PDB file of all heavy atoms in Angstrom:
ATOM      1  N   ALA A   1      10.387 -15.436 -31.225  1.00  0.00           N
ATOM      2  CA  ALA A   1       9.980 -14.063 -30.911  1.00  0.00           C
ATOM      3  C   ALA A   1       8.483 -13.866 -31.122  1.00  0.00           C
ATOM      4  O   ALA A   1       7.816 -13.188 -30.333  1.00  0.00           O
ATOM      5  CB  ALA A   1      10.778 -13.075 -31.771  1.00  0.00           C
ATOM      6  N   SER A   2       7.936 -14.466 -32.186  1.00  0.00           N
ATOM      7  CA  SER A   2       6.502 -14.302 -32.455  1.00  0.00           C
ATOM      8  C   SER A   2       5.659 -14.983 -31.382  1.00  0.00           C
ATOM      9  O   SER A   2       4.623 -14.463 -30.966  1.00  0.00           O
ATOM     10  CB  SER A   2       6.166 -14.881 -33.834  1.00  0.00           C
ATOM     11  OG  SER A   2       6.491 -16.257 -33.893  1.00  0.00           O
ATOM     12  N   GLN A   3       6.117 -16.149 -30.905  1.00  0.00           N
ATOM     13  CA  GLN A   3       5.385 -16.837 -29.836  1.00  0.00           C
ATOM     14  C   GLN A   3       5.425 -16.043 -28.541  1.00  0.00           C
ATOM     15  O   GLN A   3       4.425 -15.951 -27.819  1.00  0.00           O
ATOM     16  CB  GLN A   3       5.977 -18.231 -29.618  1.00  0.00           C
ATOM     17  CG  GLN A   3       5.715 -19.213 -30.754  1.00  0.00           C
ATOM     18  CD  GLN A   3       6.453 -20.524 -30.561  1.00  0.00           C
ATOM     19  OE1 GLN A   3       7.597 -20.549 -30.117  1.00  0.00           O
ATOM     20  NE2 GLN A   3       5.804 -21.617 -30.906  1.00  0.00           N
ATOM     21  N   LEU A   4       6.591 -15.460 -28.232  1.00  0.00           N
ATOM     22  CA  LEU A   4       6.713 -14.652 -27.022  1.00  0.00           C
ATOM     23  C   LEU A   4       5.820 -13.423 -27.093  1.00  0.00           C
ATOM     24  O   LEU A   4       5.185 -13.044 -26.106  1.00  0.00           O
ATOM     25  CB  LEU A   4       8.173 -14.235 -26.819  1.00  0.00           C
ATOM     26  CG  LEU A   4       9.152 -15.358 -26.433  1.00  0.00           C
ATOM     27  CD1 LEU A   4      10.576 -14.824 -26.409  1.00  0.00           C
ATOM     28  CD2 LEU A   4       8.792 -15.944 -25.078  1.00  0.00           C
ATOM     29  N   LEU A   5       5.763 -12.793 -28.272  1.00  0.00           N
ATOM     30  CA  LEU A   5       4.916 -11.612 -28.445  1.00  0.00           C
ATOM     31  C   LEU A   5       3.445 -11.981 -28.276  1.00  0.00           C
ATOM     32  O   LEU A   5       2.693 -11.257 -27.602  1.00  0.00           O
ATOM     33  CB  LEU A   5       5.160 -10.990 -29.820  1.00  0.00           C
ATOM     34  CG  LEU A   5       4.320  -9.752 -30.154  1.00  0.00           C
ATOM     35  CD1 LEU A   5       4.596  -8.624 -29.156  1.00  0.00           C
ATOM     36  CD2 LEU A   5       4.592  -9.286 -31.582  1.00  0.00           C
ATOM     37  N   SER A   6       3.038 -13.091 -28.860  1.00  0.00           N
ATOM     38  CA  SER A   6       1.642 -13.517 -28.743  1.00  0.00           C
ATOM     39  C   SER A   6       1.274 -13.784 -27.286  1.00  0.00           C
ATOM     40  O   SER A   6       0.212 -13.372 -26.814  1.00  0.00           O
ATOM     41  CB  SER A   6       1.411 -14.777 -29.582  1.00  0.00           C
ATOM     42  OG  SER A   6       1.672 -14.516 -30.941  1.00  0.00           O
ATOM     43  N   ARG A   7       2.171 -14.477 -26.574  1.00  0.00           N
ATOM     44  CA  ARG A   7       1.902 -14.767 -25.161  1.00  0.00           C
ATOM     45  C   ARG A   7       1.858 -13.484 -24.343  1.00  0.00           C
ATOM     46  O   ARG A   7       1.020 -13.316 -23.449  1.00  0.00           O
ATOM     47  CB  ARG A   7       2.975 -15.703 -24.602  1.00  0.00           C
ATOM     48  CG  ARG A   7       2.615 -16.293 -23.250  1.00  0.00           C
ATOM     49  CD  ARG A   7       3.736 -17.108 -22.672  1.00  0.00           C
ATOM     50  NE  ARG A   7       4.734 -16.248 -22.038  1.00  0.00           N
ATOM     51  CZ  ARG A   7       5.770 -16.688 -21.343  1.00  0.00           C
ATOM     52  NH1 ARG A   7       5.982 -17.971 -21.222  1.00  0.00           N
ATOM     53  NH2 ARG A   7       6.616 -15.855 -20.790  1.00  0.00           N
ATOM     54  N   ASN A   8       2.763 -12.557 -24.675  1.00  0.00           N
ATOM     55  CA  ASN A   8       2.819 -11.289 -23.959  1.00  0.00           C
ATOM     56  C   ASN A   8       1.504 -10.532 -24.095  1.00  0.00           C
ATOM     57  O   ASN A   8       0.935 -10.032 -23.114  1.00  0.00           O
ATOM     58  CB  ASN A   8       3.974 -10.458 -24.532  1.00  0.00           C
ATOM     59  CG  ASN A   8       4.721  -9.692 -23.468  1.00  0.00           C
ATOM     60  OD1 ASN A   8       4.701 -10.056 -22.303  1.00  0.00           O
ATOM     61  ND2 ASN A   8       5.377  -8.637 -23.873  1.00  0.00           N
ATOM     62  N   LEU A   9       1.021 -10.446 -25.326  1.00  0.00           N
ATOM     63  CA  LEU A   9      -0.217  -9.698 -25.577  1.00  0.00           C
ATOM     64  C   LEU A   9      -1.421 -10.397 -24.954  1.00  0.00           C
ATOM     65  O   LEU A   9      -2.318  -9.739 -24.412  1.00  0.00           O
ATOM     66  CB  LEU A   9      -0.425  -9.533 -27.083  1.00  0.00           C
ATOM     67  CG  LEU A   9       0.597  -8.638 -27.803  1.00  0.00           C
ATOM     68  CD1 LEU A   9       0.352  -8.653 -29.309  1.00  0.00           C
ATOM     69  CD2 LEU A   9       0.545  -7.212 -27.265  1.00  0.00           C
ATOM     70  N   LEU A  10      -1.439 -11.729 -25.021  1.00  0.00           N
ATOM     71  CA  LEU A  10      -2.585 -12.464 -24.507  1.00  0.00           C
ATOM     72  C   LEU A  10      -2.647 -12.414 -22.986  1.00  0.00           C
ATOM     73  O   LEU A  10      -3.695 -12.117 -22.399  1.00  0.00           O
ATOM     74  CB  LEU A  10      -2.515 -13.923 -24.978  1.00  0.00           C
ATOM     75  CG  LEU A  10      -3.652 -14.839 -24.497  1.00  0.00           C
ATOM     76  CD1 LEU A  10      -4.980 -14.348 -25.051  1.00  0.00           C
ATOM     77  CD2 LEU A  10      -3.393 -16.281 -24.909  1.00  0.00           C
ATOM     78  N   VAL A  11      -1.495 -12.686 -22.327  1.00  0.00           N
ATOM     79  CA  VAL A  11      -1.485 -12.781 -20.866  1.00  0.00           C
ATOM     80  C   VAL A  11      -1.419 -11.400 -20.222  1.00  0.00           C
ATOM     81  O   VAL A  11      -2.244 -11.054 -19.364  1.00  0.00           O
ATOM     82  CB  VAL A  11      -0.310 -13.654 -20.390  1.00  0.00           C
ATOM     83  CG1 VAL A  11      -0.251 -13.680 -18.864  1.00  0.00           C
ATOM     84  CG2 VAL A  11      -0.441 -15.069 -20.942  1.00  0.00           C
ATOM     85  N   TYR A  12      -0.442 -10.601 -20.622  1.00  0.00           N
ATOM     86  CA  TYR A  12      -0.217  -9.322 -19.931  1.00  0.00           C
ATOM     87  C   TYR A  12      -0.952  -8.158 -20.596  1.00  0.00           C
ATOM     88  O   TYR A  12      -1.258  -7.173 -19.917  1.00  0.00           O
ATOM     89  CB  TYR A  12       1.282  -9.042 -19.849  1.00  0.00           C
ATOM     90  CG  TYR A  12       1.986 -10.081 -19.029  1.00  0.00           C
ATOM     91  CD1 TYR A  12       2.632 -11.160 -19.630  1.00  0.00           C
ATOM     92  CD2 TYR A  12       1.970 -10.022 -17.645  1.00  0.00           C
ATOM     93  CE1 TYR A  12       3.252 -12.139 -18.881  1.00  0.00           C
ATOM     94  CE2 TYR A  12       2.583 -10.998 -16.879  1.00  0.00           C
ATOM     95  CZ  TYR A  12       3.225 -12.058 -17.503  1.00  0.00           C
ATOM     96  OH  TYR A  12       3.832 -13.024 -16.754  1.00  0.00           O
ATOM     97  N   GLY A  13      -1.225  -8.269 -21.900  1.00  0.00           N
ATOM     98  CA  GLY A  13      -2.022  -7.228 -22.550  1.00  0.00           C
ATOM     99  C   GLY A  13      -3.484  -7.335 -22.158  1.00  0.00           C
ATOM    100  O   GLY A  13      -4.077  -6.397 -21.615  1.00  0.00           O
ATOM    101  N   LEU A  14      -4.061  -8.523 -22.397  1.00  0.00           N
ATOM    102  CA  LEU A  14      -5.466  -8.733 -22.038  1.00  0.00           C
ATOM    103  C   LEU A  14      -5.645  -8.687 -20.524  1.00  0.00           C
ATOM    104  O   LEU A  14      -6.606  -8.088 -20.013  1.00  0.00           O
ATOM    105  CB  LEU A  14      -5.937 -10.083 -22.589  1.00  0.00           C
ATOM    106  CG  LEU A  14      -7.419 -10.418 -22.391  1.00  0.00           C
ATOM    107  CD1 LEU A  14      -8.293  -9.371 -23.069  1.00  0.00           C
ATOM    108  CD2 LEU A  14      -7.723 -11.806 -22.953  1.00  0.00           C
ATOM    109  N   GLY A  15      -4.697  -9.295 -19.792  1.00  0.00           N
ATOM    110  CA  GLY A  15      -4.778  -9.251 -18.327  1.00  0.00           C
ATOM    111  C   GLY A  15      -4.669  -7.840 -17.796  1.00  0.00           C
ATOM    112  O   GLY A  15      -5.319  -7.472 -16.803  1.00  0.00           O
ATOM    113  N   GLY A  16      -3.836  -7.014 -18.452  1.00  0.00           N
ATOM    114  CA  GLY A  16      -3.679  -5.627 -18.018  1.00  0.00           C
ATOM    115  C   GLY A  16      -4.932  -4.803 -18.198  1.00  0.00           C
ATOM    116  O   GLY A  16      -5.111  -3.767 -17.544  1.00  0.00           O
ATOM    117  N   ILE A  17      -5.812  -5.250 -19.088  1.00  0.00           N
ATOM    118  CA  ILE A  17      -7.093  -4.556 -19.273  1.00  0.00           C
ATOM    119  C   ILE A  17      -8.145  -5.080 -18.303  1.00  0.00           C
ATOM    120  O   ILE A  17      -8.873  -4.309 -17.669  1.00  0.00           O
ATOM    121  CB  ILE A  17      -7.578  -4.721 -20.734  1.00  0.00           C
ATOM    122  CG1 ILE A  17      -6.641  -3.980 -21.684  1.00  0.00           C
ATOM    123  CG2 ILE A  17      -9.008  -4.208 -20.891  1.00  0.00           C
ATOM    124  CD1 ILE A  17      -6.972  -4.163 -23.153  1.00  0.00           C
ATOM    125  N   LEU A  18      -8.223  -6.395 -18.154  1.00  0.00           N
ATOM    126  CA  LEU A  18      -9.289  -6.989 -17.349  1.00  0.00           C
ATOM    127  C   LEU A  18      -9.080  -6.807 -15.848  1.00  0.00           C
ATOM    128  O   LEU A  18     -10.033  -6.512 -15.114  1.00  0.00           O
ATOM    129  CB  LEU A  18      -9.404  -8.489 -17.668  1.00  0.00           C
ATOM    130  CG  LEU A  18      -9.796  -8.832 -19.116  1.00  0.00           C
ATOM    131  CD1 LEU A  18      -9.862 -10.346 -19.297  1.00  0.00           C
ATOM    132  CD2 LEU A  18     -11.134  -8.185 -19.479  1.00  0.00           C
ATOM    133  N   VAL A  19      -7.834  -6.979 -15.374  1.00  0.00           N
ATOM    134  CA  VAL A  19      -7.582  -6.900 -13.928  1.00  0.00           C
ATOM    135  C   VAL A  19      -7.976  -5.544 -13.346  1.00  0.00           C
ATOM    136  O   VAL A  19      -8.643  -5.486 -12.291  1.00  0.00           O
ATOM    137  CB  VAL A  19      -6.106  -7.234 -13.625  1.00  0.00           C
ATOM    138  CG1 VAL A  19      -5.760  -6.926 -12.169  1.00  0.00           C
ATOM    139  CG2 VAL A  19      -5.826  -8.701 -13.923  1.00  0.00           C
ATOM    140  N   PRO A  20      -7.620  -4.410 -13.971  1.00  0.00           N
ATOM    141  CA  PRO A  20      -8.036  -3.121 -13.398  1.00  0.00           C
ATOM    142  C   PRO A  20      -9.556  -2.936 -13.353  1.00  0.00           C
ATOM    143  O   PRO A  20     -10.074  -2.312 -12.422  1.00  0.00           O
ATOM    144  CB  PRO A  20      -7.387  -2.101 -14.333  1.00  0.00           C
ATOM    145  CG  PRO A  20      -6.226  -2.821 -14.921  1.00  0.00           C
ATOM    146  CD  PRO A  20      -6.693  -4.222 -15.094  1.00  0.00           C
ATOM    147  N   PHE A  21     -10.262  -3.455 -14.354  1.00  0.00           N
ATOM    148  CA  PHE A  21     -11.721  -3.343 -14.312  1.00  0.00           C
ATOM    149  C   PHE A  21     -12.270  -4.003 -13.050  1.00  0.00           C
ATOM    150  O   PHE A  21     -13.118  -3.438 -12.348  1.00  0.00           O
ATOM    151  CB  PHE A  21     -12.337  -3.997 -15.556  1.00  0.00           C
ATOM    152  CG  PHE A  21     -12.444  -3.081 -16.739  1.00  0.00           C
ATOM    153  CD1 PHE A  21     -11.437  -3.036 -17.682  1.00  0.00           C
ATOM    154  CD2 PHE A  21     -13.539  -2.249 -16.887  1.00  0.00           C
ATOM    155  CE1 PHE A  21     -11.534  -2.185 -18.773  1.00  0.00           C
ATOM    156  CE2 PHE A  21     -13.641  -1.385 -17.969  1.00  0.00           C
ATOM    157  CZ  PHE A  21     -12.628  -1.354 -18.924  1.00  0.00           C
ATOM    158  N   VAL A  22     -11.748  -5.186 -12.755  1.00  0.00           N
ATOM    159  CA  VAL A  22     -12.204  -5.898 -11.565  1.00  0.00           C
ATOM    160  C   VAL A  22     -11.726  -5.180 -10.307  1.00  0.00           C
ATOM    161  O   VAL A  22     -12.501  -4.967  -9.346  1.00  0.00           O
ATOM    162  CB  VAL A  22     -11.683  -7.353 -11.578  1.00  0.00           C
ATOM    163  CG1 VAL A  22     -12.060  -8.067 -10.282  1.00  0.00           C
ATOM    164  CG2 VAL A  22     -12.233  -8.104 -12.785  1.00  0.00           C
ATOM    165  N   GLY A  23     -10.462  -4.794 -10.294  1.00  0.00           N
ATOM    166  CA  GLY A  23      -9.886  -4.169  -9.100  1.00  0.00           C
ATOM    167  C   GLY A  23     -10.526  -2.840  -8.761  1.00  0.00           C
ATOM    168  O   GLY A  23     -10.855  -2.571  -7.592  1.00  0.00           O
ATOM    169  N   ILE A  24     -10.709  -1.990  -9.763  1.00  0.00           N
ATOM    170  CA  ILE A  24     -11.301  -0.675  -9.517  1.00  0.00           C
ATOM    171  C   ILE A  24     -12.745  -0.815  -9.038  1.00  0.00           C
ATOM    172  O   ILE A  24     -13.188  -0.091  -8.132  1.00  0.00           O
ATOM    173  CB  ILE A  24     -11.211   0.189 -10.795  1.00  0.00           C
ATOM    174  CG1 ILE A  24      -9.748   0.567 -11.065  1.00  0.00           C
ATOM    175  CG2 ILE A  24     -12.066   1.455 -10.658  1.00  0.00           C
ATOM    176  CD1 ILE A  24      -9.529   1.285 -12.384  1.00  0.00           C
ATOM    177  N   LYS A  25     -13.475  -1.758  -9.616  1.00  0.00           N
ATOM    178  CA  LYS A  25     -14.862  -1.949  -9.194  1.00  0.00           C
ATOM    179  C   LYS A  25     -14.925  -2.431  -7.746  1.00  0.00           C
ATOM    180  O   LYS A  25     -15.781  -1.968  -6.964  1.00  0.00           O
ATOM    181  CB  LYS A  25     -15.549  -2.964 -10.117  1.00  0.00           C
ATOM    182  CG  LYS A  25     -17.019  -3.209  -9.766  1.00  0.00           C
ATOM    183  CD  LYS A  25     -17.830  -1.906  -9.851  1.00  0.00           C
ATOM    184  CE  LYS A  25     -19.295  -2.146  -9.515  1.00  0.00           C
ATOM    185  NZ  LYS A  25     -20.085  -0.906  -9.562  1.00  0.00           N
ATOM    186  N   LEU A  26     -14.021  -3.329  -7.355  1.00  0.00           N
ATOM    187  CA  LEU A  26     -14.005  -3.811  -5.969  1.00  0.00           C
ATOM    188  C   LEU A  26     -13.699  -2.677  -4.998  1.00  0.00           C
ATOM    189  O   LEU A  26     -14.332  -2.559  -3.939  1.00  0.00           O
ATOM    190  CB  LEU A  26     -12.976  -4.933  -5.811  1.00  0.00           C
ATOM    191  CG  LEU A  26     -13.339  -6.286  -6.449  1.00  0.00           C
ATOM    192  CD1 LEU A  26     -12.181  -7.264  -6.315  1.00  0.00           C
ATOM    193  CD2 LEU A  26     -14.601  -6.853  -5.807  1.00  0.00           C
ATOM    194  N   VAL A  27     -12.723  -1.829  -5.353  1.00  0.00           N
ATOM    195  CA  VAL A  27     -12.398  -0.695  -4.485  1.00  0.00           C
ATOM    196  C   VAL A  27     -13.593   0.253  -4.398  1.00  0.00           C
ATOM    197  O   VAL A  27     -13.922   0.774  -3.322  1.00  0.00           O
ATOM    198  CB  VAL A  27     -11.152   0.048  -5.004  1.00  0.00           C
ATOM    199  CG1 VAL A  27     -10.888   1.306  -4.161  1.00  0.00           C
ATOM    200  CG2 VAL A  27      -9.928  -0.864  -4.983  1.00  0.00           C
ATOM    201  N   ASP A  28     -14.272   0.473  -5.537  1.00  0.00           N
ATOM    202  CA  ASP A  28     -15.454   1.347  -5.563  1.00  0.00           C
ATOM    203  C   ASP A  28     -16.536   0.813  -4.612  1.00  0.00           C
ATOM    204  O   ASP A  28     -17.164   1.591  -3.869  1.00  0.00           O
ATOM    205  CB  ASP A  28     -15.991   1.428  -6.988  1.00  0.00           C
ATOM    206  CG  ASP A  28     -17.302   2.187  -7.070  1.00  0.00           C
ATOM    207  OD1 ASP A  28     -17.287   3.413  -6.855  1.00  0.00           O
ATOM    208  OD2 ASP A  28     -18.333   1.532  -7.327  1.00  0.00           O
ATOM    209  N   LEU A  29     -16.738  -0.490  -4.591  1.00  0.00           N
ATOM    210  CA  LEU A  29     -17.745  -1.076  -3.703  1.00  0.00           C
ATOM    211  C   LEU A  29     -17.373  -0.874  -2.239  1.00  0.00           C
ATOM    212  O   LEU A  29     -18.235  -0.597  -1.392  1.00  0.00           O
ATOM    213  CB  LEU A  29     -17.902  -2.567  -4.007  1.00  0.00           C
ATOM    214  CG  LEU A  29     -18.508  -2.917  -5.376  1.00  0.00           C
ATOM    215  CD1 LEU A  29     -18.482  -4.421  -5.603  1.00  0.00           C
ATOM    216  CD2 LEU A  29     -19.937  -2.381  -5.486  1.00  0.00           C
ATOM    217  N   LEU A  30     -16.084  -0.989  -1.932  1.00  0.00           N
ATOM    218  CA  LEU A  30     -15.636  -0.798  -0.550  1.00  0.00           C
ATOM    219  C   LEU A  30     -15.751   0.665  -0.128  1.00  0.00           C
ATOM    220  O   LEU A  30     -16.081   0.963   1.030  1.00  0.00           O
ATOM    221  CB  LEU A  30     -14.181  -1.271  -0.398  1.00  0.00           C
ATOM    222  CG  LEU A  30     -13.956  -2.787  -0.543  1.00  0.00           C
ATOM    223  CD1 LEU A  30     -12.470  -3.097  -0.512  1.00  0.00           C
ATOM    224  CD2 LEU A  30     -14.676  -3.541   0.569  1.00  0.00           C
TER     225      LEU A  30
END
C-alpha cells in the first residue's frame, strides 16, 4: 500500500500539477 501511494503521488499527483501548466500555456499561445 505504501509503494502504491508513493507511485500515485509521484506520477499522478506531480503529473496532475505539471501537465495543466503546460497545457494551459499552450492553449493560451494558440
